[in-house]
């Protein structure tokens, strides 16, 4: 059996992996938060949910503040908008330069994970 030296070696069969920039930006107009994503190993597509913990009389509650979808080719990188919910618009209405902590929930290939992120207003 001969080996063709001009033939590319077979690609490993790795699952898609998504890298998330933990610094999200509230865009002017206060209706959209932008998240930067990088896809590796295979095509990436799924949904994004941004949540925030809010204190209340009975303890803390988690509120959904933004939602979105994404799709990237292998090796692709770009920013995606997350549309703020009414609760999100209210929670981020007076976002100062300090920003606010939140959690980004990601689905990719029927797998779910969450990442701590920081939301700041666009400069």
C-alpha atoms as a PDB file:
ATOM      1  CA  UNK A   1       0.000   0.000   0.000  1.00  0.00           C
ATOM      2  CA  UNK A   2       1.417   3.405  -0.955  1.00  0.00           C
ATOM      3  CA  UNK A   3       0.944   6.703   0.801  1.00  0.00           C
ATOM      4  CA  UNK A   4       0.222   9.776  -1.289  1.00  0.00           C
ATOM      5  CA  UNK A   5       2.409  12.538   0.217  1.00  0.00           C
ATOM      6  CA  UNK A   6       0.221  15.214  -1.395  1.00  0.00           C
ATOM      7  CA  UNK A   7      -2.928  14.013   0.333  1.00  0.00           C
ATOM      8  CA  UNK A   8      -3.891  15.840   3.519  1.00  0.00           C
ATOM      9  CA  UNK A   9      -3.996  13.708   6.663  1.00  0.00           C
ATOM     10  CA  UNK A  10      -7.501  12.844   7.853  1.00  0.00           C
ATOM     11  CA  UNK A  11      -9.067  15.407  10.182  1.00  0.00           C
ATOM     12  CA  UNK A  12      -9.809  14.244  13.708  1.00  0.00           C
ATOM     13  CA  UNK A  13     -13.518  13.900  14.435  1.00  0.00           C
ATOM     14  CA  UNK A  14     -13.771  16.442  17.265  1.00  0.00           C
ATOM     15  CA  UNK A  15     -17.029  17.965  18.525  1.00  0.00           C
ATOM     16  CA  UNK A  16     -17.671  21.624  17.891  1.00  0.00           C
ATOM     17  CA  UNK A  17     -16.162  23.930  20.500  1.00  0.00           C
ATOM     18  CA  UNK A  18     -17.270  27.496  21.124  1.00  0.00           C
ATOM     19  CA  UNK A  19     -15.035  30.155  22.686  1.00  0.00           C
ATOM     20  CA  UNK A  20     -16.905  33.064  24.273  1.00  0.00           C
ATOM     21  CA  UNK A  21     -15.539  36.522  25.028  1.00  0.00           C
ATOM     22  CA  UNK A  22     -16.653  37.142  28.650  1.00  0.00           C
ATOM     23  CA  UNK A  23     -17.031  40.895  28.041  1.00  0.00           C
ATOM     24  CA  UNK A  24     -20.449  41.667  26.556  1.00  0.00           C
ATOM     25  CA  UNK A  25     -21.421  45.132  25.344  1.00  0.00           C
ATOM     26  CA  UNK A  26     -24.764  46.893  25.723  1.00  0.00           C
ATOM     27  CA  UNK A  27     -25.181  48.649  22.378  1.00  0.00           C
ATOM     28  CA  UNK A  28     -26.554  52.200  22.076  1.00  0.00           C
ATOM     29  CA  UNK A  29     -30.341  52.211  22.121  1.00  0.00           C
ATOM     30  CA  UNK A  30     -30.472  49.857  25.139  1.00  0.00           C
ATOM     31  CA  UNK A  31     -32.217  46.995  23.258  1.00  0.00           C
ATOM     32  CA  UNK A  32     -29.290  44.733  22.321  1.00  0.00           C
ATOM     33  CA  UNK A  33     -26.299  43.137  24.025  1.00  0.00           C
ATOM     34  CA  UNK A  34     -23.460  41.938  21.778  1.00  0.00           C
ATOM     35  CA  UNK A  35     -21.419  38.768  22.407  1.00  0.00           C
ATOM     36  CA  UNK A  36     -18.279  37.695  20.479  1.00  0.00           C
ATOM     37  CA  UNK A  37     -17.971  33.990  19.598  1.00  0.00           C
ATOM     38  CA  UNK A  38     -15.294  31.792  17.970  1.00  0.00           C
ATOM     39  CA  UNK A  39     -16.122  28.331  16.594  1.00  0.00           C
ATOM     40  CA  UNK A  40     -13.538  25.527  16.413  1.00  0.00           C
ATOM     41  CA  UNK A  41     -13.359  21.936  15.065  1.00  0.00           C
ATOM     42  CA  UNK A  42     -16.834  21.827  13.458  1.00  0.00           C
ATOM     43  CA  UNK A  43     -19.760  24.074  12.529  1.00  0.00           C
ATOM     44  CA  UNK A  44     -21.330  25.731  15.591  1.00  0.00           C
ATOM     45  CA  UNK A  45     -24.993  26.666  15.924  1.00  0.00           C
ATOM     46  CA  UNK A  46     -27.353  27.040  18.831  1.00  0.00           C
ATOM     47  CA  UNK A  47     -29.057  29.412  21.209  1.00  0.00           C
ATOM     48  CA  UNK A  48     -27.897  31.941  23.782  1.00  0.00           C
ATOM     49  CA  UNK A  49     -29.692  33.070  26.944  1.00  0.00           C
ATOM     50  CA  UNK A  50     -28.387  35.779  29.250  1.00  0.00           C
ATOM     51  CA  UNK A  51     -29.552  35.678  32.871  1.00  0.00           C
ATOM     52  CA  UNK A  52     -28.969  37.822  35.912  1.00  0.00           C
ATOM     53  CA  UNK A  53     -29.533  37.196  39.619  1.00  0.00           C
ATOM     54  CA  UNK A  54     -31.796  39.806  41.233  1.00  0.00           C
ATOM     55  CA  UNK A  55     -32.306  40.125  45.007  1.00  0.00           C
ATOM     56  CA  UNK A  56     -35.865  40.135  46.318  1.00  0.00           C
ATOM     57  CA  UNK A  57     -37.629  39.801  49.676  1.00  0.00           C
ATOM     58  CA  UNK A  58     -37.519  35.995  49.649  1.00  0.00           C
ATOM     59  CA  UNK A  59     -33.877  35.687  48.552  1.00  0.00           C
ATOM     60  CA  UNK A  60     -32.495  35.798  45.017  1.00  0.00           C
ATOM     61  CA  UNK A  61     -34.229  35.021  41.727  1.00  0.00           C
ATOM     62  CA  UNK A  62     -32.706  34.429  38.319  1.00  0.00           C
ATOM     63  CA  UNK A  63     -34.203  36.560  35.555  1.00  0.00           C
ATOM     64  CA  UNK A  64     -33.883  36.051  31.796  1.00  0.00           C
ATOM     65  CA  UNK A  65     -32.583  39.364  30.406  1.00  0.00           C
ATOM     66  CA  UNK A  66     -31.626  38.604  26.773  1.00  0.00           C
ATOM     67  CA  UNK A  67     -31.942  35.874  24.110  1.00  0.00           C
ATOM     68  CA  UNK A  68     -30.406  35.117  20.724  1.00  0.00           C
ATOM     69  CA  UNK A  69     -29.226  32.484  18.245  1.00  0.00           C
ATOM     70  CA  UNK A  70     -25.904  31.937  16.494  1.00  0.00           C
ATOM     71  CA  UNK A  71     -24.428  29.995  13.600  1.00  0.00           C
ATOM     72  CA  UNK A  72     -20.748  29.915  12.628  1.00  0.00           C
ATOM     73  CA  UNK A  73     -18.701  27.878  10.175  1.00  0.00           C
ATOM     74  CA  UNK A  74     -15.651  25.977  11.441  1.00  0.00           C
ATOM     75  CA  UNK A  75     -12.983  28.521  12.373  1.00  0.00           C
ATOM     76  CA  UNK A  76     -15.497  31.374  12.128  1.00  0.00           C
ATOM     77  CA  UNK A  77     -15.587  34.303  14.524  1.00  0.00           C
ATOM     78  CA  UNK A  78     -18.031  37.200  14.861  1.00  0.00           C
ATOM     79  CA  UNK A  79     -20.305  39.121  17.192  1.00  0.00           C
ATOM     80  CA  UNK A  80     -23.952  38.194  17.686  1.00  0.00           C
ATOM     81  CA  UNK A  81     -26.750  40.346  19.067  1.00  0.00           C
ATOM     82  CA  UNK A  82     -28.855  39.239  22.022  1.00  0.00           C
ATOM     83  CA  UNK A  83     -32.258  40.928  22.177  1.00  0.00           C
ATOM     84  CA  UNK A  84     -33.057  42.286  25.628  1.00  0.00           C
ATOM     85  CA  UNK A  85     -36.298  41.262  27.307  1.00  0.00           C
ATOM     86  CA  UNK A  86     -38.434  43.878  29.085  1.00  0.00           C
ATOM     87  CA  UNK A  87     -36.822  42.778  32.368  1.00  0.00           C
ATOM     88  CA  UNK A  88     -33.394  43.087  30.743  1.00  0.00           C
ATOM     89  CA  UNK A  89     -34.089  46.605  29.469  1.00  0.00           C
ATOM     90  CA  UNK A  90     -35.212  47.613  32.949  1.00  0.00           C
ATOM     91  CA  UNK A  91     -32.251  45.927  34.684  1.00  0.00           C
ATOM     92  CA  UNK A  92     -29.678  47.509  32.358  1.00  0.00           C
ATOM     93  CA  UNK A  93     -31.376  50.917  31.949  1.00  0.00           C
ATOM     94  CA  UNK A  94     -28.931  52.646  34.257  1.00  0.00           C
ATOM     95  CA  UNK A  95     -25.859  50.582  33.514  1.00  0.00           C
ATOM     96  CA  UNK A  96     -22.861  52.614  34.616  1.00  0.00           C
ATOM     97  CA  UNK A  97     -19.216  52.275  33.709  1.00  0.00           C
ATOM     98  CA  UNK A  98     -18.826  49.513  36.319  1.00  0.00           C
ATOM     99  CA  UNK A  99     -21.094  47.169  34.364  1.00  0.00           C
ATOM    100  CA  UNK A 100     -22.935  44.187  35.811  1.00  0.00           C
ATOM    101  CA  UNK A 101     -22.244  40.461  36.265  1.00  0.00           C
ATOM    102  CA  UNK A 102     -24.450  38.004  34.379  1.00  0.00           C
ATOM    103  CA  UNK A 103     -24.450  34.383  33.191  1.00  0.00           C
ATOM    104  CA  UNK A 104     -24.523  33.347  29.526  1.00  0.00           C
ATOM    105  CA  UNK A 105     -26.220  29.982  28.856  1.00  0.00           C
ATOM    106  CA  UNK A 106     -25.140  28.370  25.585  1.00  0.00           C
ATOM    107  CA  UNK A 107     -26.446  25.367  23.664  1.00  0.00           C
ATOM    108  CA  UNK A 108     -24.256  23.709  21.042  1.00  0.00           C
ATOM    109  CA  UNK A 109     -24.934  20.304  19.472  1.00  0.00           C
ATOM    110  CA  UNK A 110     -27.557  19.516  22.138  1.00  0.00           C
ATOM    111  CA  UNK A 111     -24.991  20.234  24.880  1.00  0.00           C
ATOM    112  CA  UNK A 112     -25.585  23.057  27.331  1.00  0.00           C
ATOM    113  CA  UNK A 113     -23.131  25.048  29.390  1.00  0.00           C
ATOM    114  CA  UNK A 114     -22.983  28.367  31.205  1.00  0.00           C
ATOM    115  CA  UNK A 115     -20.284  31.015  31.511  1.00  0.00           C
ATOM    116  CA  UNK A 116     -19.946  33.982  33.847  1.00  0.00           C
ATOM    117  CA  UNK A 117     -19.798  37.198  31.804  1.00  0.00           C
ATOM    118  CA  UNK A 118     -19.664  40.949  32.389  1.00  0.00           C
ATOM    119  CA  UNK A 119     -21.962  43.423  30.608  1.00  0.00           C
ATOM    120  CA  UNK A 120     -20.818  47.020  30.081  1.00  0.00           C
ATOM    121  CA  UNK A 121     -22.214  49.918  28.068  1.00  0.00           C
ATOM    122  CA  UNK A 122     -20.662  50.702  24.674  1.00  0.00           C
ATOM    123  CA  UNK A 123     -18.161  53.565  24.801  1.00  0.00           C
END
